[in-house]
């Protein structure tokens, strides 16, 4: 897959991680390695079910990662001046992020209804094409606008460090070498951030009280709502954060601190 560079260290690393995730889709069907005519209807039901579950996981991770990526870039956009040119770019850039999220959502519905091979191929093409257009039209321009707007800021050092402090705590910004392990770690951190960003304001309030060890009744009293409301929020939080226990939620909360 083509490397999409902007000259901004942080954004380019996020692109590299996204490209590695998309690469999973291009080689999704292992049967194609042995048989160029391989198709899902030739595989056993168990194999198709396994592929469907794997594709659902990849889709979920991609969606969460893209939310985190968009959140990071939108923190940069806030620093742009209020000129018509910059504001038009911000509007279009945000719309592009929303567009790919909607496309992924539509494709995620197909995962359970169409063959995994067909859906993974469609998903790969959509995100591959979006990446190329998005980098050329928006991300590269965002970096250019930012540097020309405030040339006194080192956007690959000072600004990125500032963003990491407020958006991605406990995350080293500048790395001498990007190993497979470090890329996987950064991917996971951005994915968790994306999942957290998908929570509503009320769900975030409950999130932090849950990870602090509060019980449902204590949280309800603190927020002035019913216990049933807290149970509903809690279930939604567990679903969106993809956890099944408070311990798992606490581990993900550590990434956000």
Protein backbone atom coordinates (compact mmCIF):
# COMPACT_ATOMS: atom_id res chain seq x y z
CA UNK A 1 0.00 0.00 0.00
CA UNK A 2 1.29 3.50 -0.84
CA UNK A 3 2.80 5.43 2.09
CA UNK A 4 0.92 8.66 2.69
CA UNK A 5 3.34 11.23 4.08
CA UNK A 6 2.53 14.77 5.20
CA UNK A 7 5.81 15.75 6.87
CA UNK A 8 4.15 15.81 10.29
CA UNK A 9 5.70 13.12 12.49
CA UNK A 10 2.61 12.31 14.54
CA UNK A 11 0.07 12.28 11.72
CA UNK A 12 2.40 10.25 9.51
CA UNK A 13 2.78 7.64 12.25
CA UNK A 14 -0.99 7.44 12.60
CA UNK A 15 -1.22 6.98 8.82
CA UNK A 16 1.35 4.17 9.01
CA UNK A 17 -0.69 2.41 11.69
CA UNK A 18 -3.91 2.87 9.69
CA UNK A 19 -2.22 1.52 6.57
CA UNK A 20 -1.08 -1.58 8.47
CA UNK A 21 -4.66 -2.13 9.64
CA UNK A 22 -6.02 -1.73 6.12
CA UNK A 23 -3.38 -4.18 4.91
CA UNK A 24 -5.10 -6.82 7.04
CA UNK A 25 -8.13 -6.46 4.79
CA UNK A 26 -6.14 -6.90 1.57
CA UNK A 27 -4.87 -10.31 2.77
CA UNK A 28 -7.98 -11.21 4.76
CA UNK A 29 -8.83 -14.45 2.94
CA UNK A 30 -6.08 -16.97 3.73
CA UNK A 31 -7.54 -19.43 1.22
CA UNK A 32 -6.63 -17.12 -1.67
CA UNK A 33 -2.96 -17.85 -1.04
CA UNK A 34 -3.49 -21.45 -2.15
CA UNK A 35 -6.41 -20.99 -4.53
CA UNK A 36 -6.97 -17.85 -6.62
CA UNK A 37 -10.59 -18.94 -7.15
CA UNK A 38 -11.30 -19.36 -3.45
CA UNK A 39 -14.72 -18.16 -2.30
CA UNK A 40 -16.59 -18.15 0.98
CA UNK A 41 -19.24 -20.59 -0.26
CA UNK A 42 -16.49 -23.18 -0.72
CA UNK A 43 -15.50 -22.98 2.96
CA UNK A 44 -17.16 -24.77 5.86
CA UNK A 45 -19.77 -22.98 7.95
CA UNK A 46 -17.38 -22.93 10.92
CA UNK A 47 -14.66 -21.29 8.82
CA UNK A 48 -17.08 -18.64 7.53
CA UNK A 49 -18.23 -17.91 11.06
CA UNK A 50 -14.63 -17.47 12.20
CA UNK A 51 -13.94 -15.10 9.30
CA UNK A 52 -17.09 -13.12 10.08
CA UNK A 53 -16.03 -12.67 13.73
CA UNK A 54 -12.51 -11.65 12.70
CA UNK A 55 -13.80 -9.14 10.18
CA UNK A 56 -16.20 -7.69 12.76
CA UNK A 57 -13.25 -7.17 15.11
CA UNK A 58 -11.16 -5.48 12.39
CA UNK A 59 -14.09 -3.23 11.50
CA UNK A 60 -14.60 -2.24 15.12
CA UNK A 61 -10.89 -1.46 15.57
CA UNK A 62 -10.77 0.56 12.35
CA UNK A 63 -13.82 2.59 13.35
CA UNK A 64 -12.40 3.34 16.79
CA UNK A 65 -8.98 4.20 15.39
CA UNK A 66 -10.43 6.62 12.85
CA UNK A 67 -12.38 8.40 15.60
CA UNK A 68 -9.15 8.79 17.58
CA UNK A 69 -7.31 10.02 14.49
CA UNK A 70 -10.04 12.55 13.73
CA UNK A 71 -10.04 13.76 17.34
CA UNK A 72 -6.29 14.31 17.22
CA UNK A 73 -6.47 16.32 14.00
CA UNK A 74 -9.42 18.38 15.23
CA UNK A 75 -7.28 19.50 18.18
CA UNK A 76 -4.87 20.90 15.60
CA UNK A 77 -7.68 22.59 13.68
CA UNK A 78 -8.63 24.59 16.77
CA UNK A 79 -5.27 26.35 16.51
CA UNK A 80 -5.89 27.57 12.95
CA UNK A 81 -6.84 31.24 12.46
CA UNK A 82 -10.43 32.22 11.74
CA UNK A 83 -9.80 33.11 8.09
CA UNK A 84 -12.35 31.98 5.47
CA UNK A 85 -9.74 29.71 3.88
CA UNK A 86 -8.91 27.91 7.14
CA UNK A 87 -12.51 27.67 8.27
CA UNK A 88 -13.58 26.21 4.92
CA UNK A 89 -10.81 23.64 5.25
CA UNK A 90 -11.90 22.72 8.78
CA UNK A 91 -15.52 22.23 7.70
CA UNK A 92 -14.56 20.06 4.72
CA UNK A 93 -11.99 18.10 6.74
CA UNK A 94 -14.49 17.23 9.47
CA UNK A 95 -17.08 16.28 6.84
CA UNK A 96 -14.54 13.90 5.28
CA UNK A 97 -13.99 12.21 8.64
CA UNK A 98 -17.74 11.87 9.13
CA UNK A 99 -18.06 10.48 5.61
CA UNK A 100 -15.65 7.58 6.11
CA UNK A 101 -17.28 6.79 9.47
CA UNK A 102 -20.67 6.51 7.76
CA UNK A 103 -19.25 4.29 5.02
CA UNK A 104 -17.64 2.00 7.57
CA UNK A 105 -20.89 1.82 9.52
CA UNK A 106 -22.76 0.72 6.39
CA UNK A 107 -20.15 -1.89 5.60
CA UNK A 108 -20.17 -3.18 9.18
CA UNK A 109 -23.85 -4.08 8.72
CA UNK A 110 -22.85 -6.26 5.77
CA UNK A 111 -20.41 -8.29 7.86
CA UNK A 112 -23.15 -10.56 9.23
CA UNK A 113 -25.15 -10.74 5.99
CA UNK A 114 -22.64 -11.03 3.13
CA UNK A 115 -19.58 -13.16 2.53
CA UNK A 116 -16.55 -12.00 4.57
CA UNK A 117 -14.40 -12.05 1.44
CA UNK A 118 -16.72 -9.67 -0.44
CA UNK A 119 -17.10 -7.28 2.49
CA UNK A 120 -13.39 -7.21 3.35
CA UNK A 121 -12.53 -6.41 -0.28
CA UNK A 122 -15.10 -3.60 -0.40
CA UNK A 123 -13.84 -2.22 2.91
CA UNK A 124 -10.22 -2.35 1.72
CA UNK A 125 -11.02 -0.42 -1.45
CA UNK A 126 -13.11 2.21 0.34
CA UNK A 127 -10.49 2.97 3.00
CA UNK A 128 -7.56 2.73 0.58
CA UNK A 129 -9.15 5.26 -1.77
CA UNK A 130 -10.24 7.47 1.12
CA UNK A 131 -6.72 7.50 2.57
CA UNK A 132 -5.17 8.69 -0.69
CA UNK A 133 -7.73 11.43 -1.29
CA UNK A 134 -7.87 12.46 2.36
CA UNK A 135 -4.12 12.88 2.77
CA UNK A 136 -3.77 14.86 -0.45
CA UNK A 137 -6.80 17.09 0.07
CA UNK A 138 -6.90 17.52 3.83
CA UNK A 139 -4.10 16.15 6.04
CA UNK A 140 -1.20 17.53 3.99
CA UNK A 141 -3.00 20.85 3.69
CA UNK A 142 -3.74 20.92 7.43
CA UNK A 143 -0.03 20.62 8.17
CA UNK A 144 0.76 23.32 5.59
CA UNK A 145 -1.89 25.70 6.90
CA UNK A 146 -0.76 25.15 10.47
CA UNK A 147 2.88 25.88 9.71
CA UNK A 148 2.13 28.96 7.64
CA UNK A 149 -0.36 30.25 10.21
CA UNK A 150 1.96 29.98 13.20
CA UNK A 151 5.53 29.47 11.94
CA UNK A 152 6.99 29.99 15.40
CA UNK A 153 5.62 26.60 16.55
CA UNK A 154 7.50 23.39 15.80
CA UNK A 155 4.56 21.19 14.80
CA UNK A 156 6.65 18.03 14.95
CA UNK A 157 7.89 18.83 18.43
CA UNK A 158 6.36 21.53 20.60
CA UNK A 159 2.78 21.31 19.31
CA UNK A 160 2.64 17.51 19.12
CA UNK A 161 4.02 17.28 22.67
CA UNK A 162 1.31 19.69 23.80
CA UNK A 163 -1.40 17.67 22.06
CA UNK A 164 -0.09 14.44 23.56
CA UNK A 165 -0.23 15.98 27.01
CA UNK A 166 -3.90 16.92 26.66
CA UNK A 167 -5.20 14.30 24.23
CA UNK A 168 -2.97 11.23 24.53
CA UNK A 169 -1.35 11.23 28.01
CA UNK A 170 1.54 8.86 28.80
CA UNK A 171 2.38 8.57 25.11
CA UNK A 172 5.93 9.24 23.86
CA UNK A 173 5.82 11.57 20.86
CA UNK A 174 9.21 11.24 19.21
CA UNK A 175 10.65 7.79 18.67
CA UNK A 176 14.06 6.91 17.27
CA UNK A 177 12.78 3.73 15.65
CA UNK A 178 9.23 2.56 15.02
CA UNK A 179 9.28 -1.14 15.85
CA UNK A 180 6.38 -3.47 15.22
CA UNK A 181 5.75 -3.58 18.96
CA UNK A 182 5.65 0.19 19.38
CA UNK A 183 3.34 0.63 16.38
CA UNK A 184 0.98 -1.97 17.80
CA UNK A 185 1.04 -0.16 21.15
CA UNK A 186 0.29 3.22 19.57
CA UNK A 187 -2.47 1.67 17.50
CA UNK A 188 -4.08 0.26 20.64
CA UNK A 189 -3.84 3.58 22.46
CA UNK A 190 -5.44 5.52 19.63
CA UNK A 191 -8.15 2.88 19.32
CA UNK A 192 -8.99 3.21 23.03
CA UNK A 193 -9.12 6.99 22.67
CA UNK A 194 -11.52 6.59 19.74
CA UNK A 195 -13.79 4.30 21.74
CA UNK A 196 -13.84 6.79 24.62
CA UNK A 197 -14.69 9.64 22.23
CA UNK A 198 -17.72 7.63 21.05
CA UNK A 199 -19.23 7.76 24.55
CA UNK A 200 -21.87 10.40 25.29
CA UNK A 201 -21.22 13.09 27.91
CA UNK A 202 -23.36 11.22 30.44
CA UNK A 203 -21.61 7.93 29.67
CA UNK A 204 -18.19 9.53 30.20
CA UNK A 205 -19.26 10.78 33.63
CA UNK A 206 -20.38 7.25 34.56
CA UNK A 207 -17.20 5.79 33.00
CA UNK A 208 -14.88 7.64 35.38
CA UNK A 209 -17.03 6.84 38.43
CA UNK A 210 -17.10 3.14 37.51
CA UNK A 211 -13.32 2.93 37.12
CA UNK A 212 -12.90 4.76 40.43
CA UNK A 213 -14.64 1.83 42.12
CA UNK A 214 -18.09 3.33 42.72
CA UNK A 215 -21.12 1.03 42.83
CA UNK A 216 -24.24 1.65 40.73
CA UNK A 217 -26.21 3.07 43.65
CA UNK A 218 -23.36 5.40 44.64
CA UNK A 219 -23.04 6.64 41.07
CA UNK A 220 -26.80 7.19 40.81
CA UNK A 221 -26.75 9.26 43.99
CA UNK A 222 -23.73 11.27 42.85
CA UNK A 223 -25.31 12.09 39.47
CA UNK A 224 -28.88 12.46 40.70
CA UNK A 225 -30.38 9.76 38.45
CA UNK A 226 -31.94 6.33 38.95
CA UNK A 227 -29.99 3.10 39.36
CA UNK A 228 -31.65 1.76 36.18
CA UNK A 229 -30.26 4.74 34.25
CA UNK A 230 -26.77 3.93 35.52
CA UNK A 231 -27.20 0.28 34.54
CA UNK A 232 -28.17 1.39 31.02
CA UNK A 233 -25.17 3.71 30.75
CA UNK A 234 -22.89 1.02 32.17
CA UNK A 235 -24.03 -1.54 29.60
CA UNK A 236 -23.49 0.96 26.77
CA UNK A 237 -20.01 1.80 28.10
CA UNK A 238 -18.98 -1.85 28.29
CA UNK A 239 -20.27 -2.41 24.75
CA UNK A 240 -18.55 0.64 23.21
CA UNK A 241 -15.28 0.07 25.07
CA UNK A 242 -15.43 -3.67 24.25
CA UNK A 243 -14.89 -4.94 27.80
CA UNK A 244 -16.69 -7.50 29.94
CA UNK A 245 -15.43 -6.50 33.39
CA UNK A 246 -14.56 -3.45 35.47
CA UNK A 247 -10.93 -4.63 35.57
CA UNK A 248 -10.72 -4.51 31.77
CA UNK A 249 -12.33 -1.05 31.81
CA UNK A 250 -9.77 0.17 34.36
CA UNK A 251 -6.94 -1.03 32.11
CA UNK A 252 -8.35 0.96 29.22
CA UNK A 253 -8.87 3.98 31.48
CA UNK A 254 -5.14 3.88 32.30
CA UNK A 255 -4.46 4.56 28.62
CA UNK A 256 -6.60 7.72 28.77
CA UNK A 257 -4.98 9.19 31.90
